[in-house]
C-alpha cells in the first residue's frame, strides 16, 4: 500500500504539469493498473475474512455484508479509505508537531509531555478523549488552521441568494473592490472551501489566524463548534467517516 500511495502522489504531481495525452498514457494509466491489482488483493482478503467466524469479523466486514455491498465495491472503498486514513493523518500529525514546537508555549508542551506519558503507561482511547486533553486541543487547532483537504464539491438543490459579493478584478480593469449580486441557481456545481470558515474572524475572533489551542471552542463543556464553523471534516452526508480515527492517530503520533 505504501508503494501505491507514493506512486499516486508522484503521478498526481507529474500529471498536473504535463500535457494530458502524455500524462494519461505514461503516468496515470500505469498507476491505475497498480491500484486495480491492489484492489483485487484486498477483495480476496475480504472473501477469506468472510469465511471466518462472525466473532472474528470487524464492523466494516459485517456492514458490507448486511448492506449487500459487492466484494469489488468493498475493496475499492477500503483502498480509498486506507489512502485517506494514512496520508491525511500523517500530514496532520507533522503539522501538529510543528505548530506545537514553533508556536506553542512551554506550558502547552509540558502538558502534552505529561499526557503522552500517561497514554504510554495506559494506552486506551479514554486517555485521548475529552476537551481538557492538551493533545487533542493541539490537533484540533492545527486542523482548523491548515484544513489540508482542499474543499468540497456540491450541487445546489435550490436557489441560494448570496447578496453582494466582492469580485476580483485586474487593476487595469478599474475598481479592484467591485462587487455584484450573486445567486447560486439549482443544479449549479460549486466548490466549497474548508479553510475559509476556519479562518473567518467573525466566527473565531480577531486572532482567527493564530495558533491558540486553548480556545473556548476546544475547552468549554459544550459540544464542539458546528461543522459549518469548523469545516475541516466537511458536513452532512459527506462528513469524513474517519474523523474519530484520524484524531486518535494524530494524538498518538504527536
C-alpha atoms as a PDB file:
ATOM      1  CA  UNK A   1       0.000   0.000   0.000  1.00  0.00           C
ATOM      2  CA  UNK A   2       2.814   2.439   0.830  1.00  0.00           C
ATOM      3  CA  UNK A   3       4.282   1.915  -2.651  1.00  0.00           C
ATOM      4  CA  UNK A   4       0.879   2.587  -4.244  1.00  0.00           C
ATOM      5  CA  UNK A   5       0.388   5.698  -2.122  1.00  0.00           C
ATOM      6  CA  UNK A   6       3.781   7.095  -3.144  1.00  0.00           C
ATOM      7  CA  UNK A   7       3.041   6.285  -6.802  1.00  0.00           C
ATOM      8  CA  UNK A   8      -0.300   8.129  -6.614  1.00  0.00           C
ATOM      9  CA  UNK A   9       1.290  11.193  -5.016  1.00  0.00           C
ATOM     10  CA  UNK A  10       4.068  11.290  -7.626  1.00  0.00           C
ATOM     11  CA  UNK A  11       1.669  10.713 -10.514  1.00  0.00           C
ATOM     12  CA  UNK A  12      -0.694  13.453  -9.323  1.00  0.00           C
ATOM     13  CA  UNK A  13       2.133  15.989  -9.187  1.00  0.00           C
ATOM     14  CA  UNK A  14       3.564  14.973 -12.566  1.00  0.00           C
ATOM     15  CA  UNK A  15       0.204  14.867 -14.348  1.00  0.00           C
ATOM     16  CA  UNK A  16      -0.565  18.416 -13.218  1.00  0.00           C
ATOM     17  CA  UNK A  17       2.301  19.865 -15.269  1.00  0.00           C
ATOM     18  CA  UNK A  18       2.364  17.577 -18.321  1.00  0.00           C
ATOM     19  CA  UNK A  19       0.086  17.546 -21.391  1.00  0.00           C
ATOM     20  CA  UNK A  20      -2.974  15.348 -20.897  1.00  0.00           C
ATOM     21  CA  UNK A  21      -2.164  12.835 -23.657  1.00  0.00           C
ATOM     22  CA  UNK A  22       1.277  12.214 -22.151  1.00  0.00           C
ATOM     23  CA  UNK A  23       0.225  12.044 -18.513  1.00  0.00           C
ATOM     24  CA  UNK A  24      -2.760   9.767 -19.234  1.00  0.00           C
ATOM     25  CA  UNK A  25      -0.745   7.231 -21.201  1.00  0.00           C
ATOM     26  CA  UNK A  26       2.595   7.227 -19.393  1.00  0.00           C
ATOM     27  CA  UNK A  27       1.730   8.203 -15.813  1.00  0.00           C
ATOM     28  CA  UNK A  28      -1.908   7.846 -14.814  1.00  0.00           C
ATOM     29  CA  UNK A  29      -2.783   4.537 -16.516  1.00  0.00           C
ATOM     30  CA  UNK A  30       0.149   2.580 -15.043  1.00  0.00           C
ATOM     31  CA  UNK A  31      -0.809   3.815 -11.570  1.00  0.00           C
ATOM     32  CA  UNK A  32      -4.445   2.892 -12.234  1.00  0.00           C
ATOM     33  CA  UNK A  33      -3.349  -0.647 -13.102  1.00  0.00           C
ATOM     34  CA  UNK A  34      -1.371  -0.831  -9.853  1.00  0.00           C
ATOM     35  CA  UNK A  35      -4.441   0.283  -7.916  1.00  0.00           C
ATOM     36  CA  UNK A  36      -6.617  -2.335  -9.613  1.00  0.00           C
ATOM     37  CA  UNK A  37      -4.113  -5.074  -8.761  1.00  0.00           C
ATOM     38  CA  UNK A  38      -4.056  -3.913  -5.150  1.00  0.00           C
ATOM     39  CA  UNK A  39      -7.871  -3.835  -5.037  1.00  0.00           C
ATOM     40  CA  UNK A  40      -8.012  -7.437  -6.283  1.00  0.00           C
ATOM     41  CA  UNK A  41      -5.686  -8.447  -3.461  1.00  0.00           C
ATOM     42  CA  UNK A  42      -7.916  -6.653  -0.926  1.00  0.00           C
ATOM     43  CA  UNK A  43     -11.019  -8.263  -2.462  1.00  0.00           C
ATOM     44  CA  UNK A  44      -9.555 -11.726  -1.974  1.00  0.00           C
ATOM     45  CA  UNK A  45      -8.708 -10.876   1.638  1.00  0.00           C
ATOM     46  CA  UNK A  46     -12.312  -9.772   2.193  1.00  0.00           C
ATOM     47  CA  UNK A  47     -13.586 -13.066   0.756  1.00  0.00           C
ATOM     48  CA  UNK A  48     -11.228 -15.004   3.038  1.00  0.00           C
ATOM     49  CA  UNK A  49     -12.290 -12.923   6.059  1.00  0.00           C
ATOM     50  CA  UNK A  50     -15.980 -13.584   5.376  1.00  0.00           C
ATOM     51  CA  UNK A  51     -15.274 -17.312   5.703  1.00  0.00           C
ATOM     52  CA  UNK A  52     -14.106 -16.860   9.297  1.00  0.00           C
ATOM     53  CA  UNK A  53     -16.442 -16.987  12.327  1.00  0.00           C
ATOM     54  CA  UNK A  54     -18.526 -13.826  12.737  1.00  0.00           C
ATOM     55  CA  UNK A  55     -16.825 -13.006  16.043  1.00  0.00           C
ATOM     56  CA  UNK A  56     -13.543 -12.560  14.159  1.00  0.00           C
ATOM     57  CA  UNK A  57     -15.062 -10.129  11.651  1.00  0.00           C
ATOM     58  CA  UNK A  58     -14.759  -6.385  12.207  1.00  0.00           C
ATOM     59  CA  UNK A  59     -17.605  -3.845  11.884  1.00  0.00           C
ATOM     60  CA  UNK A  60     -16.752  -2.912   8.295  1.00  0.00           C
ATOM     61  CA  UNK A  61     -16.933  -6.515   7.092  1.00  0.00           C
ATOM     62  CA  UNK A  62     -20.278  -7.025   8.812  1.00  0.00           C
ATOM     63  CA  UNK A  63     -21.627  -3.767   7.409  1.00  0.00           C
ATOM     64  CA  UNK A  64     -20.515  -4.608   3.856  1.00  0.00           C
ATOM     65  CA  UNK A  65     -22.358  -7.919   4.065  1.00  0.00           C
ATOM     66  CA  UNK A  66     -25.506  -6.553   5.732  1.00  0.00           C
ATOM     67  CA  UNK A  67     -25.805  -3.814   3.084  1.00  0.00           C
ATOM     68  CA  UNK A  68     -25.197  -6.203   0.210  1.00  0.00           C
ATOM     69  CA  UNK A  69     -22.053  -4.427  -0.950  1.00  0.00           C
ATOM     70  CA  UNK A  70     -20.194  -6.401  -3.599  1.00  0.00           C
ATOM     71  CA  UNK A  71     -16.669  -7.591  -2.899  1.00  0.00           C
ATOM     72  CA  UNK A  72     -15.257  -5.354  -5.642  1.00  0.00           C
ATOM     73  CA  UNK A  73     -17.030  -2.252  -4.308  1.00  0.00           C
ATOM     74  CA  UNK A  74     -15.947  -3.078  -0.758  1.00  0.00           C
ATOM     75  CA  UNK A  75     -12.334  -3.432  -1.885  1.00  0.00           C
ATOM     76  CA  UNK A  76     -12.492  -0.107  -3.741  1.00  0.00           C
ATOM     77  CA  UNK A  77     -13.894   1.580  -0.624  1.00  0.00           C
ATOM     78  CA  UNK A  78     -11.176   0.068   1.598  1.00  0.00           C
ATOM     79  CA  UNK A  79      -8.372   1.250  -0.711  1.00  0.00           C
ATOM     80  CA  UNK A  80      -9.776   4.782  -0.777  1.00  0.00           C
ATOM     81  CA  UNK A  81     -10.216   4.870   2.977  1.00  0.00           C
ATOM     82  CA  UNK A  82      -6.726   3.454   3.520  1.00  0.00           C
ATOM     83  CA  UNK A  83      -5.302   6.230   1.381  1.00  0.00           C
ATOM     84  CA  UNK A  84      -7.204   8.958   3.252  1.00  0.00           C
ATOM     85  CA  UNK A  85      -6.707   7.385   6.682  1.00  0.00           C
ATOM     86  CA  UNK A  86      -2.940   7.117   6.259  1.00  0.00           C
ATOM     87  CA  UNK A  87      -1.940  10.156   4.209  1.00  0.00           C
ATOM     88  CA  UNK A  88      -4.097  12.839   5.818  1.00  0.00           C
ATOM     89  CA  UNK A  89      -3.416  11.963   9.493  1.00  0.00           C
ATOM     90  CA  UNK A  90       0.294  11.678   8.661  1.00  0.00           C
ATOM     91  CA  UNK A  91       0.271  15.228   7.287  1.00  0.00           C
ATOM     92  CA  UNK A  92      -1.846  16.451  10.194  1.00  0.00           C
ATOM     93  CA  UNK A  93       0.469  14.805  12.738  1.00  0.00           C
ATOM     94  CA  UNK A  94       3.533  16.513  11.288  1.00  0.00           C
ATOM     95  CA  UNK A  95       1.758  19.862  11.175  1.00  0.00           C
ATOM     96  CA  UNK A  96       0.563  19.456  14.788  1.00  0.00           C
ATOM     97  CA  UNK A  97       4.118  18.767  15.934  1.00  0.00           C
ATOM     98  CA  UNK A  98       5.482  21.808  14.095  1.00  0.00           C
ATOM     99  CA  UNK A  99       2.770  24.131  15.428  1.00  0.00           C
ATOM    100  CA  UNK A 100       3.299  22.878  18.992  1.00  0.00           C
ATOM    101  CA  UNK A 101       7.083  23.273  18.820  1.00  0.00           C
ATOM    102  CA  UNK A 102       7.192  26.560  16.894  1.00  0.00           C
ATOM    103  CA  UNK A 103       4.026  28.363  18.039  1.00  0.00           C
ATOM    104  CA  UNK A 104       3.071  26.646  21.307  1.00  0.00           C
ATOM    105  CA  UNK A 105       4.023  27.798  24.801  1.00  0.00           C
ATOM    106  CA  UNK A 106       6.320  25.989  27.225  1.00  0.00           C
ATOM    107  CA  UNK A 107       3.274  25.186  29.362  1.00  0.00           C
ATOM    108  CA  UNK A 108       1.450  23.564  26.420  1.00  0.00           C
ATOM    109  CA  UNK A 109       4.491  21.480  25.505  1.00  0.00           C
ATOM    110  CA  UNK A 110       4.857  20.352  29.130  1.00  0.00           C
ATOM    111  CA  UNK A 111       1.190  19.342  29.362  1.00  0.00           C
ATOM    112  CA  UNK A 112       1.478  17.362  26.121  1.00  0.00           C
ATOM    113  CA  UNK A 113       4.507  15.564  27.553  1.00  0.00           C
ATOM    114  CA  UNK A 114       2.542  14.640  30.690  1.00  0.00           C
ATOM    115  CA  UNK A 115      -0.403  13.327  28.685  1.00  0.00           C
ATOM    116  CA  UNK A 116       1.915  11.389  26.389  1.00  0.00           C
ATOM    117  CA  UNK A 117       3.491   9.678  29.390  1.00  0.00           C
ATOM    118  CA  UNK A 118       0.017   8.847  30.771  1.00  0.00           C
ATOM    119  CA  UNK A 119      -1.046   7.349  27.450  1.00  0.00           C
ATOM    120  CA  UNK A 120       2.116   5.254  27.125  1.00  0.00           C
ATOM    121  CA  UNK A 121       1.546   3.957  30.645  1.00  0.00           C
ATOM    122  CA  UNK A 122      -2.091   3.087  29.888  1.00  0.00           C
ATOM    123  CA  UNK A 123      -2.796   3.185  26.140  1.00  0.00           C
ATOM    124  CA  UNK A 124      -6.593   3.371  25.991  1.00  0.00           C
ATOM    125  CA  UNK A 125      -8.907   5.544  23.906  1.00  0.00           C
ATOM    126  CA  UNK A 126     -10.271   7.195  27.055  1.00  0.00           C
ATOM    127  CA  UNK A 127      -6.839   8.721  27.657  1.00  0.00           C
ATOM    128  CA  UNK A 128      -7.161  10.534  24.321  1.00  0.00           C
ATOM    129  CA  UNK A 129     -10.718  11.803  24.744  1.00  0.00           C
ATOM    130  CA  UNK A 130     -12.099  14.873  26.423  1.00  0.00           C
ATOM    131  CA  UNK A 131     -11.801  18.604  25.827  1.00  0.00           C
ATOM    132  CA  UNK A 132      -9.361  19.076  28.703  1.00  0.00           C
ATOM    133  CA  UNK A 133      -6.886  16.945  26.761  1.00  0.00           C
ATOM    134  CA  UNK A 134      -3.978  19.090  25.512  1.00  0.00           C
ATOM    135  CA  UNK A 135      -3.013  16.560  22.842  1.00  0.00           C
ATOM    136  CA  UNK A 136      -6.488  16.756  21.362  1.00  0.00           C
ATOM    137  CA  UNK A 137      -6.606  20.552  21.526  1.00  0.00           C
ATOM    138  CA  UNK A 138      -3.285  20.863  19.687  1.00  0.00           C
ATOM    139  CA  UNK A 139      -4.501  18.566  16.916  1.00  0.00           C
ATOM    140  CA  UNK A 140      -7.887  20.265  16.533  1.00  0.00           C
ATOM    141  CA  UNK A 141      -6.360  23.741  16.433  1.00  0.00           C
ATOM    142  CA  UNK A 142      -3.824  22.600  13.841  1.00  0.00           C
ATOM    143  CA  UNK A 143      -6.593  21.066  11.729  1.00  0.00           C
ATOM    144  CA  UNK A 144      -8.503  24.340  11.971  1.00  0.00           C
ATOM    145  CA  UNK A 145      -5.539  26.368  10.736  1.00  0.00           C
ATOM    146  CA  UNK A 146      -4.472  24.025   7.947  1.00  0.00           C
ATOM    147  CA  UNK A 147      -7.565  22.113   6.730  1.00  0.00           C
ATOM    148  CA  UNK A 148      -5.364  20.285   4.233  1.00  0.00           C
ATOM    149  CA  UNK A 149      -8.413  18.794   2.489  1.00  0.00           C
ATOM    150  CA  UNK A 150      -8.781  21.335  -0.310  1.00  0.00           C
ATOM    151  CA  UNK A 151     -12.552  21.612  -0.125  1.00  0.00           C
ATOM    152  CA  UNK A 152     -15.844  20.071  -1.147  1.00  0.00           C
ATOM    153  CA  UNK A 153     -17.797  19.996  -4.400  1.00  0.00           C
ATOM    154  CA  UNK A 154     -21.573  20.293  -4.056  1.00  0.00           C
ATOM    155  CA  UNK A 155     -24.558  20.641  -6.386  1.00  0.00           C
ATOM    156  CA  UNK A 156     -27.103  23.264  -5.378  1.00  0.00           C
ATOM    157  CA  UNK A 157     -30.589  21.812  -4.854  1.00  0.00           C
ATOM    158  CA  UNK A 158     -32.352  25.164  -4.614  1.00  0.00           C
ATOM    159  CA  UNK A 159     -31.730  28.840  -5.359  1.00  0.00           C
ATOM    160  CA  UNK A 160     -29.304  30.406  -2.873  1.00  0.00           C
ATOM    161  CA  UNK A 161     -29.032  34.229  -2.888  1.00  0.00           C
ATOM    162  CA  UNK A 162     -25.631  35.287  -1.546  1.00  0.00           C
ATOM    163  CA  UNK A 163     -26.195  39.033  -1.770  1.00  0.00           C
ATOM    164  CA  UNK A 164     -23.397  41.383  -2.785  1.00  0.00           C
ATOM    165  CA  UNK A 165     -20.068  39.593  -3.185  1.00  0.00           C
ATOM    166  CA  UNK A 166     -16.623  41.085  -3.944  1.00  0.00           C
ATOM    167  CA  UNK A 167     -15.396  40.426  -7.458  1.00  0.00           C
ATOM    168  CA  UNK A 168     -11.636  40.107  -8.022  1.00  0.00           C
ATOM    169  CA  UNK A 169     -10.533  42.262 -10.941  1.00  0.00           C
ATOM    170  CA  UNK A 170      -7.206  43.153 -12.511  1.00  0.00           C
ATOM    171  CA  UNK A 171      -6.017  46.692 -11.612  1.00  0.00           C
ATOM    172  CA  UNK A 172      -6.294  47.881 -15.219  1.00  0.00           C
ATOM    173  CA  UNK A 173      -9.999  46.979 -15.268  1.00  0.00           C
ATOM    174  CA  UNK A 174     -10.922  49.722 -12.858  1.00  0.00           C
ATOM    175  CA  UNK A 175     -12.029  49.407  -9.229  1.00  0.00           C
ATOM    176  CA  UNK A 176     -10.470  46.288  -7.691  1.00  0.00           C
ATOM    177  CA  UNK A 177     -13.075  46.423  -4.898  1.00  0.00           C
ATOM    178  CA  UNK A 178     -16.053  45.894  -7.215  1.00  0.00           C
ATOM    179  CA  UNK A 179     -18.985  43.789  -6.070  1.00  0.00           C
ATOM    180  CA  UNK A 180     -22.219  42.442  -7.563  1.00  0.00           C
ATOM    181  CA  UNK A 181     -25.300  40.481  -6.558  1.00  0.00           C
ATOM    182  CA  UNK A 182     -24.642  36.743  -6.731  1.00  0.00           C
ATOM    183  CA  UNK A 183     -27.213  33.952  -6.740  1.00  0.00           C
ATOM    184  CA  UNK A 184     -26.462  30.252  -6.977  1.00  0.00           C
ATOM    185  CA  UNK A 185     -29.026  28.544  -9.188  1.00  0.00           C
ATOM    186  CA  UNK A 186     -30.376  24.995  -8.746  1.00  0.00           C
ATOM    187  CA  UNK A 187     -28.168  22.432 -10.476  1.00  0.00           C
ATOM    188  CA  UNK A 188     -25.046  24.586 -10.392  1.00  0.00           C
ATOM    189  CA  UNK A 189     -21.898  22.913  -9.085  1.00  0.00           C
ATOM    190  CA  UNK A 190     -19.971  24.919  -6.511  1.00  0.00           C
ATOM    191  CA  UNK A 191     -16.631  24.421  -4.764  1.00  0.00           C
ATOM    192  CA  UNK A 192     -16.725  24.967  -1.002  1.00  0.00           C
ATOM    193  CA  UNK A 193     -13.511  25.919   0.805  1.00  0.00           C
ATOM    194  CA  UNK A 194     -12.857  24.236   4.154  1.00  0.00           C
ATOM    195  CA  UNK A 195     -10.207  26.748   5.200  1.00  0.00           C
ATOM    196  CA  UNK A 196     -12.340  29.883   4.676  1.00  0.00           C
ATOM    197  CA  UNK A 197     -14.746  29.430   7.630  1.00  0.00           C
ATOM    198  CA  UNK A 198     -11.903  28.112   9.802  1.00  0.00           C
ATOM    199  CA  UNK A 199     -10.056  31.421   9.462  1.00  0.00           C
ATOM    200  CA  UNK A 200     -13.109  33.684   9.460  1.00  0.00           C
ATOM    201  CA  UNK A 201     -12.639  36.416  12.099  1.00  0.00           C
ATOM    202  CA  UNK A 202     -16.415  36.846  12.525  1.00  0.00           C
ATOM    203  CA  UNK A 203     -16.590  33.196  13.645  1.00  0.00           C
ATOM    204  CA  UNK A 204     -13.301  32.744  15.522  1.00  0.00           C
ATOM    205  CA  UNK A 205     -12.359  36.248  16.619  1.00  0.00           C
ATOM    206  CA  UNK A 206      -9.633  38.651  15.552  1.00  0.00           C
ATOM    207  CA  UNK A 207      -6.931  36.071  16.300  1.00  0.00           C
ATOM    208  CA  UNK A 208      -8.502  33.522  13.923  1.00  0.00           C
ATOM    209  CA  UNK A 209      -5.240  33.056  12.019  1.00  0.00           C
ATOM    210  CA  UNK A 210      -3.165  32.492  15.151  1.00  0.00           C
ATOM    211  CA  UNK A 211      -2.375  29.181  16.838  1.00  0.00           C
ATOM    212  CA  UNK A 212      -4.318  29.115  20.092  1.00  0.00           C
ATOM    213  CA  UNK A 213      -5.114  25.552  21.289  1.00  0.00           C
ATOM    214  CA  UNK A 214      -6.821  26.829  24.444  1.00  0.00           C
ATOM    215  CA  UNK A 215      -9.687  28.441  22.549  1.00  0.00           C
ATOM    216  CA  UNK A 216     -13.049  28.200  24.274  1.00  0.00           C
ATOM    217  CA  UNK A 217     -14.292  26.074  21.362  1.00  0.00           C
ATOM    218  CA  UNK A 218     -11.913  23.292  22.454  1.00  0.00           C
ATOM    219  CA  UNK A 219     -12.089  23.758  26.221  1.00  0.00           C
ATOM    220  CA  UNK A 220     -15.683  24.528  27.266  1.00  0.00           C
ATOM    221  CA  UNK A 221     -18.147  21.858  28.289  1.00  0.00           C
ATOM    222  CA  UNK A 222     -20.499  22.375  25.354  1.00  0.00           C
ATOM    223  CA  UNK A 223     -20.324  20.483  22.098  1.00  0.00           C
ATOM    224  CA  UNK A 224     -17.648  21.179  19.535  1.00  0.00           C
ATOM    225  CA  UNK A 225     -18.344  24.010  17.069  1.00  0.00           C
ATOM    226  CA  UNK A 226     -20.677  23.124  14.223  1.00  0.00           C
ATOM    227  CA  UNK A 227     -19.348  21.518  11.045  1.00  0.00           C
ATOM    228  CA  UNK A 228     -20.006  24.814   9.256  1.00  0.00           C
ATOM    229  CA  UNK A 229     -17.732  26.708  11.634  1.00  0.00           C
ATOM    230  CA  UNK A 230     -15.028  24.031  11.994  1.00  0.00           C
ATOM    231  CA  UNK A 231     -15.218  22.716   8.447  1.00  0.00           C
ATOM    232  CA  UNK A 232     -12.086  20.566   8.195  1.00  0.00           C
ATOM    233  CA  UNK A 233     -14.003  17.259   8.180  1.00  0.00           C
ATOM    234  CA  UNK A 234     -16.793  18.566   5.890  1.00  0.00           C
ATOM    235  CA  UNK A 235     -20.504  18.373   6.686  1.00  0.00           C
ATOM    236  CA  UNK A 236     -23.688  16.359   6.390  1.00  0.00           C
ATOM    237  CA  UNK A 237     -23.764  13.106   4.427  1.00  0.00           C
ATOM    238  CA  UNK A 238     -20.269  13.836   3.106  1.00  0.00           C
ATOM    239  CA  UNK A 239     -18.742  14.306   6.553  1.00  0.00           C
ATOM    240  CA  UNK A 240     -15.492  12.386   6.962  1.00  0.00           C
ATOM    241  CA  UNK A 241     -16.328   8.911   8.361  1.00  0.00           C
ATOM    242  CA  UNK A 242     -12.810   8.576   9.748  1.00  0.00           C
ATOM    243  CA  UNK A 243     -12.759  11.761  11.859  1.00  0.00           C
ATOM    244  CA  UNK A 244     -12.546   9.966  15.197  1.00  0.00           C
ATOM    245  CA  UNK A 245      -9.872   7.545  13.981  1.00  0.00           C
ATOM    246  CA  UNK A 246      -7.878  10.377  12.381  1.00  0.00           C
ATOM    247  CA  UNK A 247      -7.824  12.321  15.654  1.00  0.00           C
ATOM    248  CA  UNK A 248      -6.691   9.235  17.555  1.00  0.00           C
ATOM    249  CA  UNK A 249      -3.863   8.637  15.065  1.00  0.00           C
ATOM    250  CA  UNK A 250      -2.736  12.265  15.206  1.00  0.00           C
ATOM    251  CA  UNK A 251      -2.730  12.332  19.004  1.00  0.00           C
ATOM    252  CA  UNK A 252      -0.796   9.058  19.213  1.00  0.00           C
ATOM    253  CA  UNK A 253       1.757  10.302  16.675  1.00  0.00           C
ATOM    254  CA  UNK A 254       2.109  13.637  18.470  1.00  0.00           C
END
